[in-house]
Amino acid sequence: MKATTGNGCYANYGNQAFVTRRLKEQMAVIGVDKTTASKLGDLHVTHASQVTCPQDCTFYPRTDDDIYGRERMILAESIALEEAEIIDGFSPSRDARIHVVGDCQTEKAANIVGGAMVRFEKRTGRQAYTYTHAWAAVPYSAWMGARVLASCETEEDIEYATETMGYPAAEYTYLEHQSRKVHKRGKVTVLPCPNNFNKAVTCAKCMKCADIGLLKERGWVIGLRGHGAMRQLRKALESASQRRQGGGDR
């Protein structure tokens, strides 16, 4: 498999070779006990092959020789089992951010990874959270009660993910913040990611993405300013907006 055109995925920082490696490493799951990523801070993290990502994701790259159908589903669920084993081995020393790269594109995969996230919290007293671009096909109930935000690009997607698919909270990716404070963006009440304004506020220090109860209670959506391959990201976001406005597939 080879990525022929990137689509602005901000998890790969615009690096085409990185995308291709993530696609080729079909069975690869990486667990990091303490990430060195400056944005994330002191967290356990996992990275999975982008083969685990839904192919209809706005940011999924164009590829040669991609994997489809049942073969892809079986592979994704096998990777989920490996990832769950890694999560089960995480120590109680810090919180966890699951799927810095990767996703769960089937309900079974979400059962597996979500179950491991819940076990981690019960075992350690810590928190584990993640985002998913598979919210249109995988309902929130499949995640077994784990802390999961639907990662969206339009107001319509946020409404569908929360009202129809049951996600208690969402993340809204766009190009520019309108304010650094909680504010209305159309019909959506946005809590902007503080790291976008102050790099010293890492995910580990903030953890608002993991505070599903607060986000649901106040009706807030985490706002994330896109980063990485900006030209590709802009094109992908514009395409997503046009598709939703035109009533295309989610």
C-alpha atoms as a PDB file:
ATOM      1  CA  MET A   1       0.000   0.000   0.000  1.00  0.00           C
ATOM      2  CA  LYS A   2       1.172   3.504  -0.795  1.00  0.00           C
ATOM      3  CA  ALA A   3      -0.304   6.913  -0.096  1.00  0.00           C
ATOM      4  CA  THR A   4      -0.437   8.777  -3.405  1.00  0.00           C
ATOM      5  CA  THR A   5      -2.052  11.983  -2.128  1.00  0.00           C
ATOM      6  CA  GLY A   6      -2.339  13.224   1.431  1.00  0.00           C
ATOM      7  CA  ASN A   7      -5.663  14.623   2.568  1.00  0.00           C
ATOM      8  CA  GLY A   8      -4.570  16.919   5.359  1.00  0.00           C
ATOM      9  CA  CYS A   9      -4.590  14.434   8.254  1.00  0.00           C
ATOM     10  CA  TYR A  10      -3.180  16.459  11.129  1.00  0.00           C
ATOM     11  CA  ALA A  11      -1.956  13.276  12.851  1.00  0.00           C
ATOM     12  CA  ASN A  12       0.743  12.824  10.216  1.00  0.00           C
ATOM     13  CA  TYR A  13       1.947  16.445  10.153  1.00  0.00           C
ATOM     14  CA  GLY A  14       1.884  16.621   6.369  1.00  0.00           C
ATOM     15  CA  ASN A  15       4.584  13.969   6.004  1.00  0.00           C
ATOM     16  CA  GLN A  16       3.703  11.753   3.058  1.00  0.00           C
ATOM     17  CA  ALA A  17       6.322   9.139   3.938  1.00  0.00           C
ATOM     18  CA  PHE A  18       4.872   8.914   7.433  1.00  0.00           C
ATOM     19  CA  VAL A  19       1.414   8.209   5.981  1.00  0.00           C
ATOM     20  CA  THR A  20       2.754   5.472   3.737  1.00  0.00           C
ATOM     21  CA  ARG A  21       4.575   3.820   6.632  1.00  0.00           C
ATOM     22  CA  ARG A  22       1.423   3.918   8.732  1.00  0.00           C
ATOM     23  CA  LEU A  23      -0.489   2.191   5.933  1.00  0.00           C
ATOM     24  CA  LYS A  24       2.173  -0.421   5.244  1.00  0.00           C
ATOM     25  CA  GLU A  25       2.639  -1.315   8.901  1.00  0.00           C
ATOM     26  CA  GLN A  26      -0.628  -3.203   8.748  1.00  0.00           C
ATOM     27  CA  MET A  27      -0.203  -5.021  12.038  1.00  0.00           C
ATOM     28  CA  ALA A  28       1.654  -2.260  13.835  1.00  0.00           C
ATOM     29  CA  VAL A  29       0.445  -0.963  17.167  1.00  0.00           C
ATOM     30  CA  ILE A  30       2.829   1.140  19.206  1.00  0.00           C
ATOM     31  CA  GLY A  31       2.364   1.851  22.893  1.00  0.00           C
ATOM     32  CA  VAL A  32       4.461   4.574  24.492  1.00  0.00           C
ATOM     33  CA  ASP A  33       4.673   4.574  28.285  1.00  0.00           C
ATOM     34  CA  LYS A  34       5.473   8.294  28.428  1.00  0.00           C
ATOM     35  CA  THR A  35       5.193  10.305  25.247  1.00  0.00           C
ATOM     36  CA  THR A  36       7.738  12.958  24.362  1.00  0.00           C
ATOM     37  CA  ALA A  37       5.261  14.833  22.136  1.00  0.00           C
ATOM     38  CA  SER A  38       5.282  18.443  23.328  1.00  0.00           C
ATOM     39  CA  LYS A  39       1.530  18.993  22.810  1.00  0.00           C
ATOM     40  CA  LEU A  40       0.468  15.858  24.657  1.00  0.00           C
ATOM     41  CA  GLY A  41       2.698  16.115  27.712  1.00  0.00           C
ATOM     42  CA  ASP A  42       3.081  13.363  30.305  1.00  0.00           C
ATOM     43  CA  LEU A  43       0.684  10.696  28.973  1.00  0.00           C
ATOM     44  CA  HIS A  44       0.566   7.061  27.988  1.00  0.00           C
ATOM     45  CA  VAL A  45      -0.265   6.936  24.248  1.00  0.00           C
ATOM     46  CA  THR A  46      -0.982   4.419  21.507  1.00  0.00           C
ATOM     47  CA  HIS A  47      -0.439   4.692  17.759  1.00  0.00           C
ATOM     48  CA  ALA A  48      -2.079   2.253  15.346  1.00  0.00           C
ATOM     49  CA  SER A  49      -1.751   1.748  11.604  1.00  0.00           C
ATOM     50  CA  GLN A  50      -3.974   4.037   9.544  1.00  0.00           C
ATOM     51  CA  VAL A  51      -5.489   0.860   8.114  1.00  0.00           C
ATOM     52  CA  THR A  52      -7.647   1.041  11.250  1.00  0.00           C
ATOM     53  CA  CYS A  53      -9.084   4.394  10.111  1.00  0.00           C
ATOM     54  CA  PRO A  54     -12.395   4.626   8.208  1.00  0.00           C
ATOM     55  CA  GLN A  55     -11.803   5.125   4.498  1.00  0.00           C
ATOM     56  CA  ASP A  56     -14.560   7.750   4.328  1.00  0.00           C
ATOM     57  CA  CYS A  57     -12.742   9.960   6.837  1.00  0.00           C
ATOM     58  CA  THR A  58     -12.295  13.459   5.430  1.00  0.00           C
ATOM     59  CA  PHE A  59      -8.548  13.185   5.975  1.00  0.00           C
ATOM     60  CA  TYR A  60      -7.904   9.612   4.828  1.00  0.00           C
ATOM     61  CA  PRO A  61      -5.223   9.643   2.092  1.00  0.00           C
ATOM     62  CA  ARG A  62      -5.666   8.458  -1.454  1.00  0.00           C
ATOM     63  CA  THR A  63      -3.823   5.190  -1.854  1.00  0.00           C
ATOM     64  CA  ASP A  64      -2.685   2.465  -4.209  1.00  0.00           C
ATOM     65  CA  ASP A  65      -3.649  -1.125  -3.350  1.00  0.00           C
ATOM     66  CA  ASP A  66      -5.743  -0.298  -0.299  1.00  0.00           C
ATOM     67  CA  ILE A  67      -7.521  -3.030   1.669  1.00  0.00           C
ATOM     68  CA  TYR A  68     -11.319  -3.271   1.517  1.00  0.00           C
ATOM     69  CA  GLY A  69     -14.271  -5.224   2.779  1.00  0.00           C
ATOM     70  CA  ARG A  70     -14.079  -8.156   5.141  1.00  0.00           C
ATOM     71  CA  GLU A  71     -10.278  -8.374   4.953  1.00  0.00           C
ATOM     72  CA  ARG A  72      -9.994  -4.811   6.234  1.00  0.00           C
ATOM     73  CA  MET A  73     -12.497  -5.405   9.028  1.00  0.00           C
ATOM     74  CA  ILE A  74     -10.699  -8.547  10.236  1.00  0.00           C
ATOM     75  CA  LEU A  75      -7.361  -6.740  10.143  1.00  0.00           C
ATOM     76  CA  ALA A  76      -8.742  -3.761  12.085  1.00  0.00           C
ATOM     77  CA  GLU A  77     -10.146  -6.035  14.774  1.00  0.00           C
ATOM     78  CA  SER A  78      -6.853  -7.953  15.053  1.00  0.00           C
ATOM     79  CA  ILE A  79      -5.029  -4.671  15.575  1.00  0.00           C
ATOM     80  CA  ALA A  80      -7.629  -3.674  18.188  1.00  0.00           C
ATOM     81  CA  LEU A  81      -6.814  -6.830  20.166  1.00  0.00           C
ATOM     82  CA  GLU A  82      -3.119  -5.927  20.150  1.00  0.00           C
ATOM     83  CA  GLU A  83      -3.898  -2.378  21.190  1.00  0.00           C
ATOM     84  CA  ALA A  84      -6.119  -3.569  24.055  1.00  0.00           C
ATOM     85  CA  GLU A  85      -3.260  -5.731  25.312  1.00  0.00           C
ATOM     86  CA  ILE A  86      -0.988  -2.673  25.339  1.00  0.00           C
ATOM     87  CA  ILE A  87      -3.569  -0.605  27.233  1.00  0.00           C
ATOM     88  CA  ASP A  88      -3.985  -3.417  29.760  1.00  0.00           C
ATOM     89  CA  GLY A  89      -0.250  -3.160  30.407  1.00  0.00           C
ATOM     90  CA  PHE A  90      -0.148   0.587  31.039  1.00  0.00           C
ATOM     91  CA  SER A  91       0.908   1.543  34.560  1.00  0.00           C
ATOM     92  CA  PRO A  92      -1.133   3.760  36.927  1.00  0.00           C
ATOM     93  CA  SER A  93       1.541   6.469  36.738  1.00  0.00           C
ATOM     94  CA  ARG A  94      -0.283   8.683  34.213  1.00  0.00           C
ATOM     95  CA  ASP A  95      -3.442   9.188  32.136  1.00  0.00           C
ATOM     96  CA  ALA A  96      -3.749   7.787  28.606  1.00  0.00           C
ATOM     97  CA  ARG A  97      -4.481   9.204  25.165  1.00  0.00           C
ATOM     98  CA  ILE A  98      -5.537   6.386  22.855  1.00  0.00           C
ATOM     99  CA  HIS A  99      -5.139   6.552  19.070  1.00  0.00           C
ATOM    100  CA  VAL A 100      -2.867   9.516  18.514  1.00  0.00           C
ATOM    101  CA  VAL A 101      -2.888   7.824  15.129  1.00  0.00           C
ATOM    102  CA  GLY A 102      -5.502   5.228  14.216  1.00  0.00           C
ATOM    103  CA  ASP A 103      -9.162   4.516  15.003  1.00  0.00           C
ATOM    104  CA  CYS A 104     -11.780   1.787  15.455  1.00  0.00           C
ATOM    105  CA  GLN A 105     -13.821   1.479  12.251  1.00  0.00           C
ATOM    106  CA  THR A 106     -16.031  -1.416  13.401  1.00  0.00           C
ATOM    107  CA  GLU A 107     -18.256  -1.902  16.412  1.00  0.00           C
ATOM    108  CA  LYS A 108     -16.279  -4.980  17.433  1.00  0.00           C
ATOM    109  CA  ALA A 109     -12.989  -3.056  17.341  1.00  0.00           C
ATOM    110  CA  ALA A 110     -14.579  -0.298  19.431  1.00  0.00           C
ATOM    111  CA  ASN A 111     -15.816  -2.936  21.912  1.00  0.00           C
ATOM    112  CA  ILE A 112     -12.280  -4.259  22.262  1.00  0.00           C
ATOM    113  CA  VAL A 113     -10.417  -0.969  22.627  1.00  0.00           C
ATOM    114  CA  GLY A 114     -13.179   0.757  24.595  1.00  0.00           C
ATOM    115  CA  GLY A 115     -13.331  -2.154  27.005  1.00  0.00           C
ATOM    116  CA  ALA A 116      -9.580  -1.916  27.591  1.00  0.00           C
ATOM    117  CA  MET A 117      -9.886   1.838  28.232  1.00  0.00           C
ATOM    118  CA  VAL A 118     -12.576   1.225  30.857  1.00  0.00           C
ATOM    119  CA  ARG A 119     -10.488  -1.506  32.489  1.00  0.00           C
ATOM    120  CA  PHE A 120      -7.498   0.856  32.610  1.00  0.00           C
ATOM    121  CA  GLU A 121      -9.557   3.461  34.454  1.00  0.00           C
ATOM    122  CA  LYS A 122     -10.926   0.954  36.966  1.00  0.00           C
ATOM    123  CA  ARG A 123      -7.506  -0.565  37.552  1.00  0.00           C
ATOM    124  CA  THR A 124      -5.505   2.657  37.877  1.00  0.00           C
ATOM    125  CA  GLY A 125      -7.911   5.408  38.918  1.00  0.00           C
ATOM    126  CA  ARG A 126      -6.597   7.359  35.909  1.00  0.00           C
ATOM    127  CA  GLN A 127      -8.412   8.556  32.774  1.00  0.00           C
ATOM    128  CA  ALA A 128      -8.167   7.313  29.189  1.00  0.00           C
ATOM    129  CA  TYR A 129      -9.695   9.149  26.240  1.00  0.00           C
ATOM    130  CA  THR A 130      -9.688   9.196  22.454  1.00  0.00           C
ATOM    131  CA  TYR A 131     -11.322  10.680  19.353  1.00  0.00           C
ATOM    132  CA  THR A 132     -13.012   8.815  16.513  1.00  0.00           C
ATOM    133  CA  HIS A 133     -13.734   9.667  12.894  1.00  0.00           C
ATOM    134  CA  ALA A 134     -15.815   6.485  12.637  1.00  0.00           C
ATOM    135  CA  TRP A 135     -18.802   8.006  14.454  1.00  0.00           C
ATOM    136  CA  ALA A 136     -21.096   7.732  11.406  1.00  0.00           C
ATOM    137  CA  ALA A 137     -20.826   3.921  11.413  1.00  0.00           C
ATOM    138  CA  VAL A 138     -19.899   3.105  15.010  1.00  0.00           C
ATOM    139  CA  PRO A 139     -22.382   4.263  17.689  1.00  0.00           C
ATOM    140  CA  TYR A 140     -21.102   5.512  21.011  1.00  0.00           C
ATOM    141  CA  SER A 141     -22.628   2.496  22.761  1.00  0.00           C
ATOM    142  CA  ALA A 142     -20.047   0.276  21.030  1.00  0.00           C
ATOM    143  CA  TRP A 143     -17.262   1.889  23.070  1.00  0.00           C
ATOM    144  CA  MET A 144     -18.391   0.225  26.300  1.00  0.00           C
ATOM    145  CA  GLY A 145     -18.586   3.496  28.226  1.00  0.00           C
ATOM    146  CA  ALA A 146     -15.084   4.744  27.342  1.00  0.00           C
ATOM    147  CA  ARG A 147     -14.283   8.449  27.040  1.00  0.00           C
ATOM    148  CA  VAL A 148     -14.640   9.042  23.284  1.00  0.00           C
ATOM    149  CA  LEU A 149     -15.263  12.255  21.358  1.00  0.00           C
ATOM    150  CA  ALA A 150     -16.726  12.252  17.849  1.00  0.00           C
ATOM    151  CA  SER A 151     -14.201  14.087  15.673  1.00  0.00           C
ATOM    152  CA  CYS A 152     -16.169  16.276  13.252  1.00  0.00           C
ATOM    153  CA  GLU A 153     -15.670  19.004  10.642  1.00  0.00           C
ATOM    154  CA  THR A 154     -19.162  20.526  10.312  1.00  0.00           C
ATOM    155  CA  GLU A 155     -22.076  21.540  12.532  1.00  0.00           C
ATOM    156  CA  GLU A 156     -24.245  18.976  10.775  1.00  0.00           C
ATOM    157  CA  ASP A 157     -21.796  16.197  11.629  1.00  0.00           C
ATOM    158  CA  ILE A 158     -21.705  17.241  15.281  1.00  0.00           C
ATOM    159  CA  GLU A 159     -25.494  17.164  15.440  1.00  0.00           C
ATOM    160  CA  TYR A 160     -25.666  13.732  13.794  1.00  0.00           C
ATOM    161  CA  ALA A 161     -22.912  12.273  15.972  1.00  0.00           C
ATOM    162  CA  THR A 162     -24.479  13.477  19.210  1.00  0.00           C
ATOM    163  CA  GLU A 163     -28.204  13.280  18.466  1.00  0.00           C
ATOM    164  CA  THR A 164     -28.302  10.142  16.302  1.00  0.00           C
ATOM    165  CA  MET A 165     -25.178   8.145  17.169  1.00  0.00           C
ATOM    166  CA  GLY A 166     -25.242   8.911  20.886  1.00  0.00           C
ATOM    167  CA  TYR A 167     -21.830  10.536  21.389  1.00  0.00           C
ATOM    168  CA  PRO A 168     -21.883  12.622  24.565  1.00  0.00           C
ATOM    169  CA  ALA A 169     -19.340  15.099  23.222  1.00  0.00           C
ATOM    170  CA  ALA A 170     -17.519  16.050  20.053  1.00  0.00           C
ATOM    171  CA  GLU A 171     -14.392  17.692  18.702  1.00  0.00           C
ATOM    172  CA  TYR A 172     -14.724  20.300  15.941  1.00  0.00           C
ATOM    173  CA  THR A 173     -11.798  20.759  13.544  1.00  0.00           C
ATOM    174  CA  TYR A 174     -11.638  24.032  11.601  1.00  0.00           C
ATOM    175  CA  LEU A 175      -9.015  26.384  10.192  1.00  0.00           C
ATOM    176  CA  GLU A 176      -9.069  29.330  12.590  1.00  0.00           C
ATOM    177  CA  HIS A 177     -10.367  30.029  16.080  1.00  0.00           C
ATOM    178  CA  GLN A 178     -12.848  32.889  16.386  1.00  0.00           C
ATOM    179  CA  SER A 179     -11.931  33.419  20.044  1.00  0.00           C
ATOM    180  CA  ARG A 180      -9.745  31.899  22.721  1.00  0.00           C
ATOM    181  CA  LYS A 181     -12.703  31.855  25.117  1.00  0.00           C
ATOM    182  CA  VAL A 182     -15.834  29.682  25.088  1.00  0.00           C
ATOM    183  CA  HIS A 183     -18.008  31.087  22.320  1.00  0.00           C
ATOM    184  CA  LYS A 184     -20.711  30.300  19.788  1.00  0.00           C
ATOM    185  CA  ARG A 185     -19.616  29.136  16.354  1.00  0.00           C
ATOM    186  CA  GLY A 186     -22.879  29.016  14.461  1.00  0.00           C
ATOM    187  CA  LYS A 187     -25.109  26.696  16.481  1.00  0.00           C
ATOM    188  CA  VAL A 188     -22.166  25.100  18.315  1.00  0.00           C
ATOM    189  CA  THR A 189     -20.724  26.217  21.653  1.00  0.00           C
ATOM    190  CA  VAL A 190     -16.962  25.826  21.306  1.00  0.00           C
ATOM    191  CA  LEU A 191     -14.326  25.396  24.000  1.00  0.00           C
ATOM    192  CA  PRO A 192     -11.095  26.163  22.084  1.00  0.00           C
ATOM    193  CA  CYS A 193      -8.103  23.935  22.744  1.00  0.00           C
ATOM    194  CA  PRO A 194      -5.903  26.027  25.059  1.00  0.00           C
ATOM    195  CA  ASN A 195      -2.715  24.522  23.624  1.00  0.00           C
ATOM    196  CA  ASN A 196      -3.468  26.338  20.372  1.00  0.00           C
ATOM    197  CA  PHE A 197      -2.826  29.594  22.257  1.00  0.00           C
ATOM    198  CA  ASN A 198      -0.337  28.511  24.925  1.00  0.00           C
ATOM    199  CA  LYS A 199       2.027  25.607  24.176  1.00  0.00           C
ATOM    200  CA  ALA A 200       2.742  25.194  27.886  1.00  0.00           C
ATOM    201  CA  VAL A 201      -0.816  23.914  28.403  1.00  0.00           C
ATOM    202  CA  THR A 202      -0.362  20.310  27.353  1.00  0.00           C
ATOM    203  CA  CYS A 203      -3.099  17.701  27.007  1.00  0.00           C
ATOM    204  CA  ALA A 204      -1.890  16.093  30.239  1.00  0.00           C
ATOM    205  CA  LYS A 205      -2.311  19.374  32.125  1.00  0.00           C
ATOM    206  CA  CYS A 206      -5.699  20.254  30.592  1.00  0.00           C
ATOM    207  CA  MET A 207      -7.578  16.943  30.156  1.00  0.00           C
ATOM    208  CA  LYS A 208     -10.782  18.754  29.156  1.00  0.00           C
ATOM    209  CA  CYS A 209     -11.153  16.303  26.252  1.00  0.00           C
ATOM    210  CA  ALA A 210     -11.465  13.543  28.852  1.00  0.00           C
ATOM    211  CA  ASP A 211     -14.059  15.423  30.909  1.00  0.00           C
ATOM    212  CA  ILE A 212     -17.032  13.990  29.027  1.00  0.00           C
ATOM    213  CA  GLY A 213     -19.436  14.829  31.871  1.00  0.00           C
ATOM    214  CA  LEU A 214     -18.520  18.522  31.828  1.00  0.00           C
ATOM    215  CA  LEU A 215     -18.696  18.771  28.033  1.00  0.00           C
ATOM    216  CA  LYS A 216     -22.103  17.077  27.927  1.00  0.00           C
ATOM    217  CA  GLU A 217     -23.512  19.056  30.856  1.00  0.00           C
ATOM    218  CA  ARG A 218     -22.530  22.413  29.376  1.00  0.00           C
ATOM    219  CA  GLY A 219     -23.098  21.466  25.752  1.00  0.00           C
ATOM    220  CA  TRP A 220     -19.519  22.325  24.831  1.00  0.00           C
ATOM    221  CA  VAL A 221     -17.594  21.025  21.847  1.00  0.00           C
ATOM    222  CA  ILE A 222     -13.786  20.995  21.883  1.00  0.00           C
ATOM    223  CA  GLY A 223     -12.512  23.321  19.145  1.00  0.00           C
ATOM    224  CA  LEU A 224      -9.263  22.343  17.425  1.00  0.00           C
ATOM    225  CA  ARG A 225      -7.467  24.574  14.964  1.00  0.00           C
ATOM    226  CA  GLY A 226      -6.158  22.408  12.161  1.00  0.00           C
ATOM    227  CA  HIS A 227      -2.417  21.980  11.778  1.00  0.00           C
ATOM    228  CA  GLY A 228       0.031  20.062   9.623  1.00  0.00           C
ATOM    229  CA  ALA A 229      -0.340  20.136   5.826  1.00  0.00           C
ATOM    230  CA  MET A 230      -2.415  23.319   5.744  1.00  0.00           C
ATOM    231  CA  ARG A 231      -3.105  23.458   2.005  1.00  0.00           C
ATOM    232  CA  GLN A 232      -4.386  19.879   2.010  1.00  0.00           C
ATOM    233  CA  LEU A 233      -6.251  20.447   5.271  1.00  0.00           C
ATOM    234  CA  ARG A 234      -8.022  23.510   3.890  1.00  0.00           C
ATOM    235  CA  LYS A 235      -9.074  21.607   0.788  1.00  0.00           C
ATOM    236  CA  ALA A 236     -10.319  18.642   2.857  1.00  0.00           C
ATOM    237  CA  LEU A 237     -12.354  20.859   5.192  1.00  0.00           C
ATOM    238  CA  GLU A 238     -13.888  22.773   2.292  1.00  0.00           C
ATOM    239  CA  SER A 239     -14.769  19.479   0.599  1.00  0.00           C
ATOM    240  CA  ALA A 240     -16.380  18.158   3.785  1.00  0.00           C
ATOM    241  CA  SER A 241     -18.462  21.308   4.183  1.00  0.00           C
ATOM    242  CA  GLN A 242     -19.660  21.231   0.573  1.00  0.00           C
ATOM    243  CA  ARG A 243     -20.519  17.537   0.791  1.00  0.00           C
ATOM    244  CA  ARG A 244     -22.595  18.035   3.951  1.00  0.00           C
ATOM    245  CA  GLN A 245     -24.387  21.073   2.554  1.00  0.00           C
ATOM    246  CA  GLY A 246     -25.157  19.106  -0.587  1.00  0.00           C
ATOM    247  CA  GLY A 247     -26.648  16.266   1.438  1.00  0.00           C
ATOM    248  CA  GLY A 248     -23.952  13.764   0.512  1.00  0.00           C
ATOM    249  CA  ASP A 249     -22.987  10.649   2.416  1.00  0.00           C
ATOM    250  CA  ARG A 250     -21.633  11.109   5.913  1.00  0.00           C
END
